[in-house]
Protein backbone atom coordinates (compact mmCIF):
# COMPACT_ATOMS: atom_id res chain seq x y z
CA MET A 1 -5.27 18.39 -9.46
CA LEU A 2 -1.95 17.56 -7.85
CA PHE A 3 -1.66 14.71 -5.36
CA PRO A 4 1.10 12.88 -3.46
CA LEU A 5 1.56 9.15 -4.04
CA SER A 6 3.91 6.80 -2.22
CA TYR A 7 5.25 3.33 -2.82
CA SER A 8 3.20 0.40 -1.54
CA ILE A 9 3.68 -3.32 -1.01
CA PRO A 10 1.77 -6.43 -2.13
CA ALA A 11 -0.57 -7.76 0.55
CA GLU A 12 0.95 -11.19 -0.03
CA VAL A 13 4.17 -9.96 1.63
CA ILE A 14 2.53 -8.80 4.87
CA VAL A 15 2.72 -11.23 7.79
CA PRO A 16 -0.65 -12.33 9.26
CA TYR A 17 0.37 -11.46 12.82
CA VAL A 18 3.32 -9.98 14.70
CA PRO A 19 5.95 -12.72 15.07
CA PHE A 20 8.06 -13.27 18.18
CA LYS A 21 11.11 -11.04 18.09
CA THR A 22 14.59 -12.44 18.71
CA ALA A 23 16.71 -9.35 17.94
CA HIS A 24 16.68 -5.62 18.67
CA THR A 25 17.59 -4.34 15.18
CA ALA A 26 17.85 -6.22 11.89
CA GLU A 27 21.24 -6.53 10.25
CA HIS A 28 21.65 -4.02 7.47
CA ASN A 29 23.56 -5.35 4.50
CA TYR A 30 23.09 -6.65 0.98
CA GLN A 31 24.28 -10.22 1.35
CA PHE A 32 20.89 -11.82 0.65
CA ASP A 33 20.37 -13.58 -2.69
CA ASP A 34 16.89 -14.88 -1.85
CA VAL A 35 13.88 -12.98 -0.62
CA ALA A 36 12.94 -15.40 2.20
CA PRO A 37 16.04 -14.84 4.40
CA TYR A 38 16.00 -11.15 3.49
CA MET A 39 12.51 -10.75 4.92
CA GLU A 40 13.23 -13.09 7.85
CA ASN A 41 16.03 -10.71 8.80
CA TYR A 42 13.42 -7.98 9.35
CA ARG A 43 10.73 -10.26 10.71
CA LYS A 44 12.78 -11.43 13.70
CA ALA A 45 13.72 -7.92 14.91
CA PHE A 46 11.90 -5.17 16.76
CA PHE A 47 13.49 -2.54 14.49
CA GLY A 48 14.76 -2.23 10.96
CA HIS A 49 16.93 0.70 9.92
CA THR A 50 15.96 2.87 6.97
CA SER A 51 16.65 6.40 5.75
CA LEU A 52 16.51 8.91 2.93
CA LYS A 53 18.26 7.47 -0.13
CA CYS A 54 17.77 8.78 -3.67
CA GLY A 55 14.35 9.80 -2.45
CA TRP A 56 12.53 9.95 0.88
CA ASP A 57 10.21 7.21 -0.30
CA CYS A 58 11.91 3.82 -0.32
CA MET A 59 10.72 0.22 -0.65
CA ARG A 60 12.68 -0.74 2.46
CA HIS A 61 10.27 1.28 4.63
CA TYR A 62 7.38 -0.91 3.52
CA GLU A 63 9.32 -4.17 3.62
CA ILE A 64 10.19 -3.51 7.27
CA LEU A 65 6.64 -2.55 8.23
CA SER A 66 5.20 -5.59 6.42
CA GLN A 67 7.04 -7.89 8.82
CA GLY A 68 5.51 -6.47 11.99
CA THR A 69 8.68 -4.46 12.60
CA ILE A 70 9.24 -0.80 13.49
CA THR A 71 11.12 1.38 11.02
CA GLU A 72 14.06 3.10 12.68
CA PHE A 73 14.01 6.04 10.28
CA THR A 74 16.99 8.42 10.30
CA ASN A 75 15.84 12.07 10.30
CA LEU A 76 12.16 11.18 10.06
CA GLU A 77 11.35 14.66 11.36
CA GLY A 78 12.81 16.06 8.13
CA LEU A 79 10.28 14.25 5.93
CA PRO A 80 8.70 16.84 3.60
CA ARG A 81 5.02 17.53 4.31
CA LYS A 82 3.72 16.40 0.90
CA THR A 83 5.86 13.27 0.57
CA MET A 84 4.86 9.86 1.95
CA THR A 85 1.64 11.36 3.30
CA ASN A 86 0.21 7.92 4.16
CA PHE A 87 3.31 6.80 6.08
CA PRO A 88 2.50 6.35 9.81
CA LYS A 89 4.99 9.02 10.82
CA ALA A 90 3.54 9.83 14.25
CA LEU A 91 3.12 6.18 15.26
CA VAL A 92 6.64 5.26 14.08
CA PHE A 93 8.12 8.27 15.87
CA ASN A 94 6.30 7.39 19.11
CA LEU A 95 7.36 3.74 19.03
CA ASN A 96 10.98 4.70 18.38
CA THR A 97 10.84 7.10 21.33
CA LYS A 98 9.30 4.43 23.51
CA TYR A 99 11.51 1.44 22.70
CA TYR A 100 14.56 2.14 20.54
CA SER A 101 16.84 3.33 23.36
CA LEU A 102 16.12 0.15 25.32
CA THR A 103 18.22 -2.96 24.88
CA TYR A 104 16.61 -6.14 23.59
CA ASP A 105 16.48 -7.56 27.12
CA GLU A 106 14.95 -4.36 28.46
CA ILE A 107 12.19 -4.49 25.83
CA LEU A 108 11.47 -8.07 26.86
CA LYS A 109 11.02 -6.90 30.44
CA CYS A 110 8.23 -4.55 29.35
CA SER A 111 4.68 -5.88 29.38
CA SER A 112 4.58 -8.24 26.41
CA SER A 113 0.91 -7.43 25.80
CA VAL A 114 1.72 -3.71 25.55
CA VAL A 115 4.77 -4.21 23.28
CA TYR A 116 3.01 -6.58 20.91
CA ASP A 117 -0.17 -4.50 20.92
CA ASP A 118 1.97 -1.56 19.80
CA LEU A 119 3.53 -3.65 17.04
CA ASP A 120 0.11 -4.95 16.03
CA ARG A 121 -1.23 -1.41 15.64
CA LEU A 122 1.60 -0.68 13.22
CA LEU A 123 1.04 -3.92 11.32
CA CYS A 124 -2.72 -3.31 11.06
CA TYR A 125 -2.08 0.19 9.73
CA THR A 126 0.26 -1.27 7.12
CA ARG A 127 -2.28 -3.87 6.05
CA ASP A 128 -5.09 -1.31 5.80
CA ASN A 129 -3.24 1.58 4.17
CA LEU A 130 0.05 0.61 2.54
CA THR A 131 -0.82 -2.23 0.15
CA THR A 132 -0.70 -1.97 -3.63
CA GLU A 133 -4.48 -2.36 -3.72
CA ALA A 134 -4.90 0.57 -1.33
CA ALA A 135 -2.61 2.65 -3.55
CA ALA A 136 -4.54 1.77 -6.72
CA ARG A 137 -7.88 2.61 -5.09
CA TYR A 138 -6.43 5.88 -3.77
CA VAL A 139 -5.41 6.88 -7.31
CA LEU A 140 -8.87 6.10 -8.65
CA ARG A 141 -10.66 7.85 -5.79
CA LYS A 142 -8.57 11.02 -5.85
CA SER A 143 -8.75 11.30 -9.64
CA GLY A 144 -12.55 11.02 -9.61
CA HIS A 145 -12.72 7.46 -10.97
CA ALA A 146 -13.58 5.43 -7.88
CA ASP A 147 -16.10 3.34 -9.82
CA ALA A 148 -13.88 2.68 -12.86
CA LYS A 149 -14.00 -0.93 -14.04
CA ARG A 150 -12.20 -0.81 -17.40
CA ILE A 151 -8.70 0.48 -16.74
CA LEU A 152 -5.77 0.96 -19.10
CA TYR A 153 -2.49 1.08 -17.18
CA LEU A 154 0.46 2.37 -19.21
CA SER A 155 4.13 2.85 -18.52
CA ASN A 156 7.18 3.98 -20.46
CA ALA A 157 9.31 1.38 -18.64
CA ASP A 158 11.31 -0.80 -21.00
CA LYS A 159 11.87 -3.56 -18.43
CA SER A 160 10.54 -4.75 -15.11
CA GLY A 161 12.09 -3.23 -12.00
CA ASN A 162 10.69 0.25 -11.39
CA TYR A 163 9.00 0.05 -7.99
CA MET A 164 6.22 2.58 -8.60
CA VAL A 165 5.37 1.05 -11.98
CA GLU A 166 5.37 -2.50 -10.60
CA MET A 167 3.48 -1.83 -7.38
CA LEU A 168 0.66 -0.03 -9.19
CA ALA A 169 0.54 -2.74 -11.86
CA HIS A 170 0.06 -5.26 -9.07
CA GLY A 171 -2.56 -3.09 -7.36
CA PHE A 172 -4.64 -2.41 -10.48
CA SER A 173 -4.46 -6.06 -11.45
CA ARG A 174 -5.60 -7.16 -8.00
CA ILE A 175 -8.54 -4.78 -7.66
CA THR A 176 -9.81 -5.75 -11.15
CA LYS A 177 -8.98 -9.46 -10.74
CA GLY A 178 -6.77 -9.30 -13.79
CA ALA A 179 -9.20 -7.37 -15.98
CA ALA A 180 -7.07 -4.22 -16.35
CA ASP A 181 -5.15 -3.85 -19.60
CA MET A 182 -1.40 -3.38 -18.97
CA TRP A 183 1.19 -1.96 -21.34
CA PRO A 184 3.82 -3.29 -21.20
CA ASP A 185 2.61 -6.42 -19.43
CA PHE A 186 5.90 -7.81 -18.13
CA GLU A 187 5.98 -11.59 -17.71
CA GLU A 188 8.08 -11.29 -14.52
CA ARG A 189 4.94 -10.18 -12.64
CA TYR A 190 3.30 -13.59 -12.94
CA ASP A 191 3.68 -16.72 -10.83
CA ASN A 192 4.72 -19.01 -13.70
CA TYR A 193 7.90 -16.99 -14.31
CA PRO A 194 11.03 -18.80 -13.03
CA VAL A 195 12.72 -17.53 -9.87
CA GLU A 196 16.36 -17.43 -10.95
CA PRO A 197 16.03 -14.84 -13.75
CA THR A 198 14.28 -12.43 -11.36
CA LYS A 199 17.50 -12.20 -9.34
CA LYS A 200 19.07 -10.31 -12.24
CA LEU A 201 16.42 -7.60 -12.03
CA TYR A 202 16.68 -4.41 -10.01
CA GLY A 203 16.68 -5.22 -6.29
CA LYS A 204 17.00 -8.92 -7.24
CA GLY A 205 13.29 -8.89 -8.00
CA PHE A 206 12.43 -8.93 -4.32
CA ASN A 207 8.77 -8.30 -3.43
CA TYR A 208 7.51 -7.24 -6.86
CA THR A 209 7.86 -10.33 -9.08
CA ARG A 210 5.86 -13.58 -9.40
CA PHE A 211 2.81 -12.57 -7.38
CA LEU A 212 0.01 -12.43 -9.96
CA PRO A 213 -1.75 -15.55 -11.28
CA ALA A 214 -0.44 -16.50 -14.71
CA ALA A 215 -4.03 -16.83 -15.96
CA TRP A 216 -4.44 -13.06 -15.44
CA ARG A 217 -1.77 -12.10 -17.97
CA ARG A 218 -3.54 -10.47 -20.90
CA ALA A 219 -0.58 -8.93 -22.76
CA PRO A 220 -2.83 -6.91 -25.12
CA SER A 221 -1.38 -5.92 -28.46
CA ALA A 222 -0.74 -2.29 -29.35
CA GLU A 223 -3.39 -2.60 -32.06
CA LEU A 224 -6.03 -3.78 -29.58
CA ILE A 225 -5.23 -0.96 -27.15
CA GLN A 226 -5.35 1.60 -29.95
CA GLN A 227 -8.73 0.28 -31.09
CA ARG A 228 -10.12 0.34 -27.55
CA ILE A 229 -8.91 3.92 -27.09
CA LYS A 230 -10.72 4.97 -30.27
CA GLU A 231 -13.88 3.22 -29.06
CA LYS A 232 -13.54 4.93 -25.63
CA TYR A 233 -13.68 1.48 -24.11
CA TYR A 234 -11.74 2.49 -21.00
CA ASP A 235 -13.23 4.32 -18.02
CA VAL A 236 -9.82 5.76 -17.16
CA ILE A 237 -6.28 5.70 -18.54
CA VAL A 238 -3.41 5.71 -16.04
CA HIS A 239 0.18 6.39 -17.10
CA CYS A 240 3.11 5.88 -14.73
CA THR A 241 6.47 7.35 -15.72
CA SER A 242 9.51 5.18 -15.11
CA GLU A 243 12.50 6.95 -13.60
CA GLN A 244 14.73 4.76 -15.76
CA SER A 245 13.39 6.29 -18.97
CA ASP A 246 12.97 9.78 -20.29
CA LEU A 247 9.49 11.27 -20.53
CA GLN A 248 7.76 9.24 -23.21
CA TYR A 249 4.05 8.56 -23.24
CA PRO A 250 2.90 5.48 -25.17
CA PHE A 251 -0.57 5.99 -26.68
CA LEU A 252 -0.65 9.57 -25.34
CA THR A 253 1.38 11.25 -28.09
CA GLY A 254 1.39 11.10 -31.88
CA GLU A 255 -1.44 10.62 -34.34
CA GLY A 256 -4.56 8.95 -32.95
CA ASN A 257 -3.41 9.28 -29.35
CA ALA A 258 -5.77 9.03 -26.37
CA LYS A 259 -6.00 12.82 -25.97
CA GLU A 260 -7.97 12.91 -29.22
CA TYR A 261 -10.68 10.73 -27.68
CA TYR A 262 -10.52 11.37 -23.94
CA ASP A 263 -10.80 14.45 -21.80
CA LEU A 264 -7.58 15.06 -19.86
CA SER A 265 -9.54 14.60 -16.62
CA ASP A 266 -9.83 10.91 -17.59
CA ILE A 267 -6.07 10.52 -18.14
CA VAL A 268 -4.12 10.11 -14.89
CA LEU A 269 -0.39 10.89 -14.94
CA ILE A 270 1.92 9.47 -12.27
CA CYS A 271 5.58 10.29 -11.68
CA GLY A 272 7.60 7.84 -9.57
CA ASN A 273 10.96 9.61 -9.95
CA ASP A 274 13.45 10.10 -7.13
CA CYS A 275 14.30 13.49 -5.64
CA ASP A 276 16.31 16.01 -7.63
CA ASN A 277 19.79 16.85 -6.33
CA TYR A 278 20.32 20.49 -5.34
CA TRP A 279 23.78 21.66 -4.40
CA SER A 280 23.83 23.61 -1.14
CA ALA A 281 26.71 26.07 -0.92
CA GLU A 282 25.95 26.51 2.76
CA LYS A 283 26.10 22.81 3.60
CA GLN A 284 28.56 21.91 0.83
CA TRP A 285 26.40 18.94 0.04
CA TYR A 286 23.50 17.91 -2.13
CA ILE A 287 20.00 18.41 -0.76
CA ARG A 288 17.27 15.96 -1.75
CA ASP A 289 13.76 16.96 -0.76
CA SER A 290 11.55 16.89 -3.87
CA HIS A 291 11.26 16.28 -7.60
CA ASP A 292 10.30 19.21 -9.80
CA CYS A 293 8.42 17.12 -12.32
CA PRO A 294 7.55 18.73 -15.68
CA ILE A 295 4.08 17.15 -15.72
CA LYS A 296 3.03 19.43 -12.84
CA CYS A 297 2.19 22.08 -15.45
CA LEU A 298 -0.82 19.93 -16.43
CA ALA A 299 -2.28 19.85 -12.93
CA ASP A 300 -5.08 22.26 -13.86
CA LYS A 301 -6.26 19.87 -16.58
CA ALA A 302 -5.40 16.33 -15.51
CA PRO A 303 -5.02 14.38 -12.25
CA ILE A 304 -1.29 14.35 -11.45
CA PHE A 305 0.36 12.16 -8.80
CA ILE A 306 3.98 12.71 -7.77
CA ARG A 307 5.98 10.49 -5.46
CA GLU A 308 8.52 13.04 -4.20
CA LEU A 309 6.21 16.06 -4.08
CA GLY A 310 8.17 17.72 -1.24
CA HIS A 311 7.07 20.69 0.82
């Protein structure tokens, strides 16, 4: 069972309605030290530029969409078929075709009801399909655990900052109202964590820190998790691999690991790694279109989700 899985964004980030636009395209630079002006930069514009980076999937896509703004996506037509399958590719392509070549003043001369209805369709799609909660429910549904209540969410991340790890942690926490066990349960996820230290995290901590209620932080001990695994307390175990660590699986390897107590169909494996780099002699450049993840070999036994699944 092999499935695609994309990044997502906390529902708290998404604007409630399409704001009035005062610019054609958002400025694209890294001068922002605080998340509010960073998001305002996207919120005020009709378009925000984004592109393939280390992978096709990128948090910037979702940050732009969350502000009622159209992603101006370089080479969107080259997006591999099995990557970012929930991204509104057709709608984004159509809106770019319709408006991007127009100047700001020319867009304003279009029927405002038509323009803002178009933007609202994109925003509604984002709210319905691209949140962390939607991603968490998708993982449960596709893996055959739609009704799971007791969830163990594991990662091999040694610090906060991996987008796939953090977005799914937020999603699973939200859909269980804090009842999911997390390992590790990073304190930066919770709203009582101070703002300034988050700025030293990857991406300055923007849009993945300080969203969850502090009262939801369980921080279970390794001993408690081990005991619950032995008791088969959990309905499903989900492990998300961090791209900043090598392939290590806490509680899934060694003596007394979860595979001794659970069928592999109840252990979900997720890979959030970027694309692999392939040197093209023809183009004299590196090609990035997928990640050949080693966990794919388990797809006949366990539910596997891969971010950069490719073609």
